[in-house]
């Protein structure tokens, strides 16, 4: 008895000491974070070199959806750092900047584009990058097994002149106002290792980091490409750590187990940056839009008066203020404020107005309950409950239908939502014509709302088939699209949402693109952050 008692006391002491050490370790990590600071580099000053950057993410790698946008941030981060694209967009505009292409010339009729290619680029296996790699990459992008959102634009490329290894001329079936959207998004891949890429075994790109390993549901490790054409990155390696939920993501960041957290809840993002001294990076130019989707093939929702009542009932201000902690702004149309299609006055068309909503519904009569699908990952449950309450205020009963992320994506792509659904969409941050020809919720050819309208299809084609996406002709087509969206409401925009990432103070110079993909070619760690 005494021996058993002493063993128990000993175990308690060990647990107590272990707990004390763990707490002390956590406090020390937080203390180091709060007391460290990154001095801004002077112009021309070299970045500190070395160290492994640890980036926490919420989704594992998925080779099956590797080139699809919005299928998990780890896919995008691997694409962005092991591959290059032909061009890059500037952060807050549609200004085209060079990458693998150093120059370009669009023909006057918009039917061909000549691209001059860098001569000093090799793939990770040492093979030189040449013009045929551009052709092979675009053909693979169209051929699958992926279903990338710019596939329709890529399919409109009908000619490839690769007679010069350092220049390619692309021929188009018709002018493509969004051709640079494709070139900003489609990575240049190696056709010789395409089978391994599809299987997730090998990622042979031209990017600043080489793929080293993948431990499913655990981590992906990339190592520095010393032969990178843009100069060897400062970091030795990047490790993407798969974390099960956003609470664990916050804990690991605060206790010094991560240097970057991508996917924090908006509450935790606000907490770690305002209270614990972590830096906040707002991914401007990569905004997303929260919306309520509507299946217009549902007999109830086929009545536009009901759709307008829904638009008038939703409390957009509350969703942006409470759920997203003010990280965004309300809209009725999808465009971010810097888009050439943005029109401030249009975004007041459907402010919350319960009397108007009730009056519209009174014309219709009793409405049976409607399903509202939402993703169980992220903030959609909270938004679903707000929308449910908002619609109850005007007499519409909503039944919530939870889906995991895979189910939600599958229903979106297949147009299988029974009634209403909640999601975020992208693509409004590209050339405005892209939204109506590429995004699943808006695509005029086939969309998630099962909405069909010849006038809408004609406006989408007109916006797409002009050489210059900022021309008066293009702007007029965008206005026709806006009028149809506001009039027919096959989805209801809630607000533009600003994506944010939290980093330790020891992390410097993080870049990103329009797809919320982090670019780490120039990122560095100070000595305080090196492992």
Protein backbone atom coordinates (compact mmCIF):
# COMPACT_ATOMS: atom_id res chain seq x y z
CA UNK A 1 0.00 0.00 0.00
CA UNK A 2 2.71 2.44 0.95
CA UNK A 3 4.67 1.58 -2.16
CA UNK A 4 1.70 2.09 -4.41
CA UNK A 5 0.97 5.40 -2.69
CA UNK A 6 4.56 6.59 -3.15
CA UNK A 7 4.49 5.65 -6.80
CA UNK A 8 1.31 7.65 -7.26
CA UNK A 9 2.79 10.67 -5.49
CA UNK A 10 5.89 10.35 -7.62
CA UNK A 11 3.78 10.30 -10.76
CA UNK A 12 1.93 13.42 -9.61
CA UNK A 13 5.23 15.17 -8.99
CA UNK A 14 6.51 14.19 -12.43
CA UNK A 15 3.30 15.42 -14.06
CA UNK A 16 3.49 18.67 -12.09
CA UNK A 17 7.12 19.25 -13.03
CA UNK A 18 6.43 18.35 -16.67
CA UNK A 19 3.46 20.71 -16.75
CA UNK A 20 5.53 23.47 -15.18
CA UNK A 21 8.27 22.97 -17.75
CA UNK A 22 5.73 22.95 -20.60
CA UNK A 23 4.09 26.14 -19.34
CA UNK A 24 7.47 27.74 -18.80
CA UNK A 25 8.49 26.71 -22.32
CA UNK A 26 5.31 28.17 -23.77
CA UNK A 27 5.73 31.37 -21.81
CA UNK A 28 9.34 31.60 -22.94
CA UNK A 29 8.31 31.15 -26.59
CA UNK A 30 5.67 33.85 -26.27
CA UNK A 31 8.08 36.10 -24.41
CA UNK A 32 10.67 35.69 -27.17
CA UNK A 33 7.99 36.49 -29.73
CA UNK A 34 6.86 39.63 -27.93
CA UNK A 35 10.38 40.86 -27.29
CA UNK A 36 11.78 40.20 -30.76
CA UNK A 37 11.44 42.60 -33.66
CA UNK A 38 12.45 42.68 -37.29
CA UNK A 39 14.41 45.70 -38.35
CA UNK A 40 13.42 46.81 -41.82
CA UNK A 41 16.14 46.16 -44.35
CA UNK A 42 17.82 49.16 -45.89
CA UNK A 43 17.61 49.47 -49.71
CA UNK A 44 20.16 47.08 -51.21
CA UNK A 45 20.87 45.39 -47.87
CA UNK A 46 21.01 41.58 -48.24
CA UNK A 47 18.43 39.58 -46.33
CA UNK A 48 19.62 37.32 -43.49
CA UNK A 49 20.22 33.80 -44.76
CA UNK A 50 19.39 30.40 -43.35
CA UNK A 51 16.74 28.78 -41.25
CA UNK A 52 13.60 26.74 -41.88
CA UNK A 53 10.31 28.61 -42.04
CA UNK A 54 7.42 26.70 -40.44
CA UNK A 55 4.03 27.55 -41.96
CA UNK A 56 0.85 26.18 -40.40
CA UNK A 57 -2.00 25.28 -42.76
CA UNK A 58 -5.37 23.57 -42.30
CA UNK A 59 -5.50 21.31 -45.36
CA UNK A 60 -3.27 18.55 -46.63
CA UNK A 61 -1.80 18.31 -50.11
CA UNK A 62 -4.26 17.00 -52.71
CA UNK A 63 -2.65 16.00 -56.04
CA UNK A 64 -6.09 15.22 -57.48
CA UNK A 65 -7.04 18.91 -57.30
CA UNK A 66 -3.54 20.31 -57.62
CA UNK A 67 -4.25 23.01 -60.24
CA UNK A 68 -7.71 23.96 -59.01
CA UNK A 69 -8.00 27.25 -57.16
CA UNK A 70 -9.60 27.24 -53.74
CA UNK A 71 -9.20 23.51 -52.99
CA UNK A 72 -6.96 23.92 -49.96
CA UNK A 73 -4.22 26.38 -49.26
CA UNK A 74 -1.38 23.84 -49.13
CA UNK A 75 -1.86 22.99 -52.80
CA UNK A 76 -1.53 26.65 -53.68
CA UNK A 77 1.52 27.26 -51.50
CA UNK A 78 3.35 24.32 -53.07
CA UNK A 79 2.45 25.52 -56.57
CA UNK A 80 3.59 29.06 -55.81
CA UNK A 81 6.99 28.02 -54.45
CA UNK A 82 8.01 25.07 -56.62
CA UNK A 83 6.71 26.44 -59.93
CA UNK A 84 6.71 29.76 -61.76
CA UNK A 85 4.11 31.38 -63.97
CA UNK A 86 4.77 33.36 -67.13
CA UNK A 87 3.71 36.69 -65.63
CA UNK A 88 2.66 38.14 -62.27
CA UNK A 89 -0.01 40.71 -61.55
CA UNK A 90 0.81 43.67 -59.33
CA UNK A 91 -0.86 43.43 -55.93
CA UNK A 92 -3.61 46.03 -56.20
CA UNK A 93 -4.10 46.40 -59.91
CA UNK A 94 -4.18 44.43 -63.13
CA UNK A 95 -0.73 45.70 -64.13
CA UNK A 96 1.24 42.85 -65.73
CA UNK A 97 4.75 42.20 -64.44
CA UNK A 98 7.38 39.78 -65.81
CA UNK A 99 8.22 36.35 -64.46
CA UNK A 100 9.26 33.56 -66.86
CA UNK A 101 8.15 35.86 -69.66
CA UNK A 102 10.23 39.03 -69.92
CA UNK A 103 8.14 40.80 -72.55
CA UNK A 104 4.90 40.40 -74.52
CA UNK A 105 3.07 41.87 -77.48
CA UNK A 106 -0.65 41.47 -78.18
CA UNK A 107 -1.62 41.72 -81.83
CA UNK A 108 -3.92 44.63 -82.78
CA UNK A 109 -6.85 42.28 -83.41
CA UNK A 110 -6.30 40.49 -80.10
CA UNK A 111 -5.98 37.10 -81.84
CA UNK A 112 -2.37 36.32 -80.90
CA UNK A 113 0.13 37.04 -78.13
CA UNK A 114 3.92 36.88 -78.48
CA UNK A 115 5.88 36.15 -75.31
CA UNK A 116 9.65 36.51 -74.92
CA UNK A 117 10.99 33.95 -72.45
CA UNK A 118 13.87 34.02 -70.00
CA UNK A 119 17.01 32.25 -71.21
CA UNK A 120 18.57 31.45 -67.83
CA UNK A 121 15.93 29.13 -66.37
CA UNK A 122 16.23 25.43 -65.58
CA UNK A 123 13.89 22.95 -64.01
CA UNK A 124 14.90 21.44 -60.69
CA UNK A 125 16.36 18.41 -62.49
CA UNK A 126 18.64 20.71 -64.53
CA UNK A 127 16.75 20.64 -67.83
CA UNK A 128 16.55 24.06 -69.57
CA UNK A 129 13.17 25.78 -69.79
CA UNK A 130 12.11 26.39 -73.42
CA UNK A 131 9.04 27.46 -75.35
CA UNK A 132 7.68 23.92 -75.78
CA UNK A 133 7.31 23.77 -71.99
CA UNK A 134 4.75 26.57 -72.23
CA UNK A 135 2.77 24.65 -74.83
CA UNK A 136 2.98 21.39 -72.86
CA UNK A 137 1.90 23.14 -69.66
CA UNK A 138 -1.17 24.73 -71.24
CA UNK A 139 -2.15 21.46 -72.91
CA UNK A 140 -1.77 19.61 -69.59
CA UNK A 141 -3.81 22.33 -67.87
CA UNK A 142 -6.64 21.69 -70.33
CA UNK A 143 -6.21 17.92 -70.49
CA UNK A 144 -6.61 17.10 -66.82
CA UNK A 145 -7.10 15.24 -64.61
CA UNK A 146 -7.61 18.61 -62.97
CA UNK A 147 -10.56 20.90 -63.62
CA UNK A 148 -8.97 24.32 -63.15
CA UNK A 149 -11.21 27.34 -63.36
CA UNK A 150 -9.29 28.94 -66.25
CA UNK A 151 -9.71 25.81 -68.36
CA UNK A 152 -12.17 27.49 -70.74
CA UNK A 153 -9.72 30.32 -71.41
CA UNK A 154 -6.87 27.87 -71.94
CA UNK A 155 -9.02 25.86 -74.35
CA UNK A 156 -9.46 29.00 -76.50
CA UNK A 157 -5.71 28.93 -77.27
CA UNK A 158 -5.63 27.19 -80.64
CA UNK A 159 -2.08 27.80 -81.86
CA UNK A 160 1.44 27.43 -80.47
CA UNK A 161 4.43 28.66 -82.44
CA UNK A 162 7.48 27.28 -80.62
CA UNK A 163 9.99 27.52 -83.47
CA UNK A 164 12.14 29.80 -81.28
CA UNK A 165 13.04 28.08 -77.96
CA UNK A 166 12.99 31.44 -76.18
CA UNK A 167 9.81 32.86 -77.69
CA UNK A 168 6.28 31.55 -78.09
CA UNK A 169 3.37 32.90 -80.09
CA UNK A 170 -0.06 31.91 -78.82
CA UNK A 171 -2.96 31.99 -81.28
CA UNK A 172 -6.53 32.43 -80.05
CA UNK A 173 -9.89 31.29 -81.38
CA UNK A 174 -11.08 34.82 -80.55
CA UNK A 175 -9.75 37.77 -78.55
CA UNK A 176 -9.32 36.94 -74.85
CA UNK A 177 -9.63 39.87 -72.48
CA UNK A 178 -8.52 37.65 -69.59
CA UNK A 179 -5.54 35.91 -71.19
CA UNK A 180 -3.18 37.38 -68.57
CA UNK A 181 -5.37 35.93 -65.81
CA UNK A 182 -4.51 32.50 -67.16
CA UNK A 183 -0.82 33.32 -67.54
CA UNK A 184 -0.71 34.64 -63.97
CA UNK A 185 -2.34 31.45 -62.64
CA UNK A 186 -1.21 28.46 -64.72
CA UNK A 187 2.16 27.11 -63.52
CA UNK A 188 4.81 26.01 -66.00
CA UNK A 189 5.13 22.31 -65.33
CA UNK A 190 7.49 19.64 -66.62
CA UNK A 191 5.79 17.40 -69.17
CA UNK A 192 8.40 14.68 -68.68
CA UNK A 193 7.34 14.12 -65.08
CA UNK A 194 3.62 14.79 -65.49
CA UNK A 195 2.60 11.30 -64.34
CA UNK A 196 4.54 11.73 -61.11
CA UNK A 197 2.95 15.15 -60.57
CA UNK A 198 -0.54 13.70 -60.96
CA UNK A 199 0.34 11.05 -58.36
CA UNK A 200 1.86 13.56 -55.95
CA UNK A 201 5.29 11.89 -56.09
CA UNK A 202 7.34 14.58 -57.79
CA UNK A 203 7.06 18.32 -58.37
CA UNK A 204 9.72 19.26 -60.90
CA UNK A 205 9.31 22.98 -61.45
CA UNK A 206 11.45 26.04 -62.05
CA UNK A 207 10.54 27.73 -58.77
CA UNK A 208 12.63 28.99 -55.87
CA UNK A 209 12.19 25.83 -53.80
CA UNK A 210 12.55 22.14 -54.58
CA UNK A 211 10.08 19.58 -53.31
CA UNK A 212 11.76 17.28 -50.79
CA UNK A 213 9.09 15.26 -48.96
CA UNK A 214 5.43 14.85 -48.14
CA UNK A 215 4.14 13.10 -45.03
CA UNK A 216 0.37 12.86 -45.58
CA UNK A 217 -1.70 14.63 -42.92
CA UNK A 218 1.51 15.89 -41.34
CA UNK A 219 3.82 18.11 -43.41
CA UNK A 220 5.40 19.05 -46.72
CA UNK A 221 9.04 20.15 -46.83
CA UNK A 222 10.58 22.28 -49.57
CA UNK A 223 14.29 23.09 -49.78
CA UNK A 224 16.11 26.00 -51.38
CA UNK A 225 16.77 25.88 -55.13
CA UNK A 226 20.34 27.23 -55.28
CA UNK A 227 20.09 27.56 -59.08
CA UNK A 228 16.93 29.66 -59.07
CA UNK A 229 16.96 32.23 -61.88
CA UNK A 230 15.78 34.91 -59.47
CA UNK A 231 18.60 34.20 -57.03
CA UNK A 232 18.78 31.54 -54.33
CA UNK A 233 16.18 32.25 -51.60
CA UNK A 234 17.40 33.35 -48.16
CA UNK A 235 15.65 30.44 -46.41
CA UNK A 236 17.24 26.98 -46.28
CA UNK A 237 13.83 25.32 -46.29
CA UNK A 238 10.10 25.75 -45.80
CA UNK A 239 8.04 23.25 -43.87
CA UNK A 240 4.26 23.39 -44.25
CA UNK A 241 2.70 21.84 -41.15
CA UNK A 242 -0.81 20.42 -41.47
CA UNK A 243 -2.83 21.40 -38.39
CA UNK A 244 -6.19 19.83 -37.60
CA UNK A 245 -8.15 23.00 -36.73
CA UNK A 246 -7.79 26.76 -36.35
CA UNK A 247 -7.59 26.56 -32.54
CA UNK A 248 -4.56 24.27 -32.75
CA UNK A 249 -3.13 26.63 -35.36
CA UNK A 250 -3.38 29.54 -32.93
CA UNK A 251 -1.89 27.55 -30.07
CA UNK A 252 1.08 26.38 -32.12
CA UNK A 253 1.79 29.90 -33.32
CA UNK A 254 1.61 31.37 -29.83
CA UNK A 255 3.85 28.68 -28.33
CA UNK A 256 6.58 29.14 -30.94
CA UNK A 257 5.95 25.93 -32.89
CA UNK A 258 5.09 27.88 -36.05
CA UNK A 259 6.43 31.03 -37.69
CA UNK A 260 3.41 31.67 -39.93
CA UNK A 261 -0.25 30.76 -39.47
CA UNK A 262 -2.49 30.67 -42.54
CA UNK A 263 -6.12 29.92 -41.69
CA UNK A 264 -6.67 31.42 -38.24
CA UNK A 265 -10.22 32.33 -37.32
CA UNK A 266 -10.80 36.06 -37.53
CA UNK A 267 -11.14 36.16 -33.74
CA UNK A 268 -7.80 34.42 -33.21
CA UNK A 269 -6.16 36.53 -35.91
CA UNK A 270 -7.25 39.65 -34.10
CA UNK A 271 -6.16 38.22 -30.74
CA UNK A 272 -2.64 37.11 -31.67
CA UNK A 273 -1.83 40.34 -33.48
CA UNK A 274 -3.33 42.77 -30.97
CA UNK A 275 -2.38 41.02 -27.72
CA UNK A 276 0.56 38.74 -28.39
CA UNK A 277 2.72 40.82 -30.70
CA UNK A 278 2.45 38.81 -33.91
CA UNK A 279 2.49 40.63 -37.23
CA UNK A 280 -0.55 40.79 -39.48
CA UNK A 281 -0.32 40.56 -43.24
CA UNK A 282 -3.41 41.54 -45.22
CA UNK A 283 -3.39 39.87 -48.63
CA UNK A 284 -4.58 42.88 -50.61
CA UNK A 285 -5.48 42.08 -54.19
CA UNK A 286 -6.50 38.55 -53.17
CA UNK A 287 -9.90 39.37 -51.70
CA UNK A 288 -12.68 36.81 -51.48
CA UNK A 289 -16.42 37.41 -51.49
CA UNK A 290 -18.90 35.89 -49.06
CA UNK A 291 -22.19 35.08 -50.73
CA UNK A 292 -25.46 33.19 -50.42
CA UNK A 293 -26.02 30.94 -53.41
CA UNK A 294 -29.50 30.23 -54.76
CA UNK A 295 -30.61 27.23 -56.82
CA UNK A 296 -33.07 28.88 -59.21
CA UNK A 297 -34.17 25.44 -60.46
CA UNK A 298 -35.87 24.95 -57.09
CA UNK A 299 -39.57 25.72 -57.80
CA UNK A 300 -39.80 28.01 -54.77
CA UNK A 301 -36.62 29.93 -55.56
CA UNK A 302 -37.47 30.28 -59.24
CA UNK A 303 -39.60 33.29 -58.22
CA UNK A 304 -37.32 36.33 -58.33
CA UNK A 305 -39.45 38.09 -55.70
CA UNK A 306 -38.37 35.51 -53.13
CA UNK A 307 -34.74 35.93 -54.14
CA UNK A 308 -35.04 39.70 -53.75
CA UNK A 309 -36.67 39.27 -50.35
CA UNK A 310 -33.71 37.14 -49.28
CA UNK A 311 -31.31 39.85 -50.48
CA UNK A 312 -33.23 42.47 -48.46
CA UNK A 313 -33.35 40.34 -45.30
CA UNK A 314 -29.65 39.52 -44.92
CA UNK A 315 -27.78 41.56 -42.34
CA UNK A 316 -24.53 42.11 -44.21
CA UNK A 317 -23.19 44.65 -41.74
CA UNK A 318 -23.47 42.17 -38.87
CA UNK A 319 -21.73 39.41 -40.79
CA UNK A 320 -18.76 41.60 -41.74
CA UNK A 321 -18.52 43.27 -38.32
CA UNK A 322 -19.09 40.26 -36.04
CA UNK A 323 -17.93 37.24 -38.00
CA UNK A 324 -15.08 38.80 -39.95
CA UNK A 325 -14.17 41.33 -37.24
CA UNK A 326 -14.43 44.19 -39.70
CA UNK A 327 -12.01 42.59 -42.16
CA UNK A 328 -13.97 43.56 -45.24
CA UNK A 329 -16.91 45.61 -46.44
CA UNK A 330 -20.45 44.96 -47.61
CA UNK A 331 -21.33 44.77 -51.30
CA UNK A 332 -24.20 43.84 -53.61
CA UNK A 333 -21.86 43.15 -56.52
CA UNK A 334 -18.69 41.05 -56.36
CA UNK A 335 -16.04 43.60 -57.24
CA UNK A 336 -13.35 44.76 -54.81
CA UNK A 337 -12.96 48.52 -54.56
CA UNK A 338 -9.94 48.69 -56.85
CA UNK A 339 -11.54 46.69 -59.71
CA UNK A 340 -12.32 48.59 -62.94
CA UNK A 341 -15.86 47.23 -62.66
CA UNK A 342 -16.49 48.60 -59.15
CA UNK A 343 -19.43 51.05 -58.91
CA UNK A 344 -20.09 52.29 -55.34
CA UNK A 345 -23.72 53.27 -55.95
CA UNK A 346 -24.71 49.74 -57.02
CA UNK A 347 -23.74 48.35 -53.63
CA UNK A 348 -26.67 50.05 -51.88
CA UNK A 349 -29.36 48.35 -53.97
CA UNK A 350 -30.13 45.68 -51.35
CA UNK A 351 -29.49 47.09 -47.91
CA UNK A 352 -31.33 45.30 -45.09
CA UNK A 353 -34.99 46.34 -45.34
CA UNK A 354 -37.42 44.00 -43.58
CA UNK A 355 -40.66 45.82 -44.57
CA UNK A 356 -39.75 45.64 -48.27
CA UNK A 357 -38.81 41.98 -47.93
CA UNK A 358 -42.09 41.12 -46.17
CA UNK A 359 -44.08 43.01 -48.78
CA UNK A 360 -42.50 40.97 -51.58
CA UNK A 361 -43.20 37.71 -49.77
CA UNK A 362 -46.79 38.74 -49.12
CA UNK A 363 -47.30 38.79 -52.89
CA UNK A 364 -46.07 35.19 -53.11
CA UNK A 365 -47.90 33.52 -50.22
CA UNK A 366 -46.67 30.80 -47.86
CA UNK A 367 -43.18 29.40 -48.53
CA UNK A 368 -42.10 25.88 -47.56
CA UNK A 369 -38.85 25.42 -45.59
CA UNK A 370 -35.64 25.86 -47.57
CA UNK A 371 -32.34 24.01 -47.13
CA UNK A 372 -29.21 26.06 -46.43
CA UNK A 373 -25.98 24.13 -47.02
CA UNK A 374 -22.78 25.27 -45.32
CA UNK A 375 -19.26 24.00 -44.80
CA UNK A 376 -18.35 22.76 -41.34
CA UNK A 377 -14.86 24.24 -41.73
CA UNK A 378 -14.31 27.87 -40.90
CA UNK A 379 -16.94 30.48 -40.06
CA UNK A 380 -19.80 29.28 -42.26
CA UNK A 381 -21.78 27.74 -39.37
CA UNK A 382 -21.94 31.10 -37.62
CA UNK A 383 -22.93 32.86 -40.85
CA UNK A 384 -25.54 30.16 -41.54
CA UNK A 385 -27.15 30.78 -38.16
CA UNK A 386 -27.21 34.55 -38.80
CA UNK A 387 -28.81 34.04 -42.23
CA UNK A 388 -31.28 31.55 -40.74
CA UNK A 389 -32.29 34.16 -38.16
CA UNK A 390 -32.43 36.94 -40.77
CA UNK A 391 -34.78 34.94 -42.98
CA UNK A 392 -36.94 33.92 -40.05
CA UNK A 393 -37.47 37.65 -39.44
CA UNK A 394 -39.34 37.87 -42.77
CA UNK A 395 -41.14 34.54 -42.51
CA UNK A 396 -38.79 32.17 -44.36
CA UNK A 397 -37.89 28.97 -42.52
CA UNK A 398 -34.41 27.65 -43.20
CA UNK A 399 -33.09 24.19 -42.33
CA UNK A 400 -29.31 24.03 -41.96
CA UNK A 401 -27.42 21.30 -43.82
CA UNK A 402 -23.79 20.84 -42.72
CA UNK A 403 -21.24 19.44 -45.20
CA UNK A 404 -17.56 18.76 -44.93
CA UNK A 405 -15.38 20.77 -47.30
CA UNK A 406 -15.24 18.00 -49.90
CA UNK A 407 -19.04 17.58 -49.96
CA UNK A 408 -19.58 21.32 -50.20
CA UNK A 409 -17.14 21.63 -53.12
CA UNK A 410 -18.70 18.65 -54.90
CA UNK A 411 -22.20 20.11 -54.63
CA UNK A 412 -20.92 23.46 -55.86
CA UNK A 413 -19.21 22.05 -58.94
CA UNK A 414 -22.14 19.79 -59.78
CA UNK A 415 -24.89 22.35 -59.10
CA UNK A 416 -26.39 19.96 -56.53
CA UNK A 417 -27.48 22.30 -53.75
CA UNK A 418 -31.19 21.83 -53.06
CA UNK A 419 -31.96 25.41 -52.09
CA UNK A 420 -29.53 27.93 -50.58
CA UNK A 421 -25.86 27.61 -49.72
CA UNK A 422 -23.02 29.57 -48.19
CA UNK A 423 -19.50 29.87 -49.60
CA UNK A 424 -16.85 32.36 -50.58
CA UNK A 425 -15.87 32.89 -54.19
CA UNK A 426 -12.84 34.40 -55.82
CA UNK A 427 -12.09 35.58 -59.39
CA UNK A 428 -13.52 39.08 -58.93
CA UNK A 429 -9.91 40.07 -58.24
CA UNK A 430 -8.98 39.22 -61.83
CA UNK A 431 -10.09 40.79 -65.11
CA UNK A 432 -13.87 41.25 -64.58
CA UNK A 433 -14.77 39.08 -67.57
CA UNK A 434 -13.23 36.07 -65.82
CA UNK A 435 -16.00 35.86 -63.26
CA UNK A 436 -18.72 35.00 -65.80
CA UNK A 437 -16.63 32.50 -67.78
CA UNK A 438 -14.58 30.77 -65.06
CA UNK A 439 -16.07 30.90 -61.57
CA UNK A 440 -18.43 28.04 -60.65
CA UNK A 441 -21.13 30.30 -59.10
CA UNK A 442 -21.19 32.71 -62.08
CA UNK A 443 -20.21 30.77 -65.19
CA UNK A 444 -22.70 31.66 -67.91
CA UNK A 445 -22.17 28.31 -69.65
CA UNK A 446 -22.85 26.21 -66.52
CA UNK A 447 -23.15 27.55 -63.00
CA UNK A 448 -23.93 26.23 -59.53
CA UNK A 449 -27.30 28.04 -59.44
CA UNK A 450 -28.52 26.29 -62.60
CA UNK A 451 -29.25 29.76 -63.93
CA UNK A 452 -29.71 30.05 -67.71
CA UNK A 453 -30.26 33.35 -69.50
CA UNK A 454 -29.29 34.08 -73.14
CA UNK A 455 -28.81 37.78 -72.31
CA UNK A 456 -26.42 36.85 -69.52
CA UNK A 457 -24.49 34.49 -71.79
CA UNK A 458 -24.27 37.22 -74.44
CA UNK A 459 -22.97 39.80 -71.95
CA UNK A 460 -20.41 37.31 -70.62
CA UNK A 461 -19.20 36.53 -74.14
CA UNK A 462 -19.00 40.22 -75.02
CA UNK A 463 -16.89 40.96 -71.94
CA UNK A 464 -14.63 37.97 -72.62
CA UNK A 465 -14.07 38.42 -76.36
CA UNK A 466 -12.58 41.90 -76.43
CA UNK A 467 -8.81 42.37 -76.67
CA UNK A 468 -8.58 44.90 -73.85
CA UNK A 469 -10.37 44.16 -70.58
CA UNK A 470 -10.22 47.83 -69.54
CA UNK A 471 -11.60 49.28 -72.78
CA UNK A 472 -14.92 51.19 -72.94
CA UNK A 473 -16.42 48.21 -74.77
CA UNK A 474 -15.41 45.88 -71.94
CA UNK A 475 -16.66 48.27 -69.25
CA UNK A 476 -20.03 48.47 -70.99
CA UNK A 477 -20.25 44.66 -70.97
CA UNK A 478 -19.45 44.58 -67.25
CA UNK A 479 -22.30 47.00 -66.63
CA UNK A 480 -24.70 44.67 -68.47
CA UNK A 481 -23.51 41.80 -66.26
CA UNK A 482 -24.03 43.94 -63.16
CA UNK A 483 -27.59 44.79 -64.21
CA UNK A 484 -28.42 41.11 -64.67
CA UNK A 485 -26.91 40.11 -61.32
CA UNK A 486 -28.81 42.84 -59.47
CA UNK A 487 -32.03 42.09 -61.34
CA UNK A 488 -32.09 38.30 -61.33
CA UNK A 489 -30.15 37.57 -58.10
CA UNK A 490 -29.17 33.98 -58.74
CA UNK A 491 -26.78 34.58 -55.87
CA UNK A 492 -26.68 37.22 -53.17
CA UNK A 493 -23.40 38.93 -52.41
CA UNK A 494 -22.75 39.66 -48.73
CA UNK A 495 -19.34 41.30 -48.64
CA UNK A 496 -15.74 41.47 -49.74
CA UNK A 497 -13.53 39.66 -47.23
CA UNK A 498 -9.86 40.46 -46.67
CA UNK A 499 -7.69 37.40 -46.10
CA UNK A 500 -5.10 37.78 -43.34
CA UNK A 501 -2.05 35.82 -42.23
CA UNK A 502 -0.24 36.05 -38.89
CA UNK A 503 3.55 35.77 -38.62
CA UNK A 504 6.15 35.86 -35.89
CA UNK A 505 8.08 39.12 -35.59
CA UNK A 506 11.17 37.24 -36.81
CA UNK A 507 9.65 36.71 -40.28
CA UNK A 508 10.37 39.26 -42.99
CA UNK A 509 9.27 39.91 -46.59
CA UNK A 510 6.36 37.57 -47.23
CA UNK A 511 4.78 37.95 -50.68
CA UNK A 512 1.53 36.59 -52.11
CA UNK A 513 -0.56 36.41 -55.26
CA UNK A 514 -4.20 36.84 -56.21
CA UNK A 515 -5.03 33.26 -55.20
CA UNK A 516 -3.98 33.71 -51.54
CA UNK A 517 -0.83 31.71 -52.23
CA UNK A 518 2.23 32.72 -50.24
CA UNK A 519 5.40 33.39 -52.24
CA UNK A 520 8.50 32.86 -50.12
CA UNK A 521 11.38 33.38 -52.57
CA UNK A 522 12.49 36.51 -50.71
CA UNK A 523 11.27 35.67 -47.21
CA UNK A 524 13.82 35.59 -44.43
CA UNK A 525 14.15 34.81 -40.72
CA UNK A 526 16.11 36.88 -38.27
CA UNK A 527 18.37 35.02 -35.85
CA UNK A 528 15.57 35.05 -33.25
CA UNK A 529 13.43 32.88 -35.51
CA UNK A 530 16.00 30.38 -36.75
CA UNK A 531 15.82 26.87 -35.40
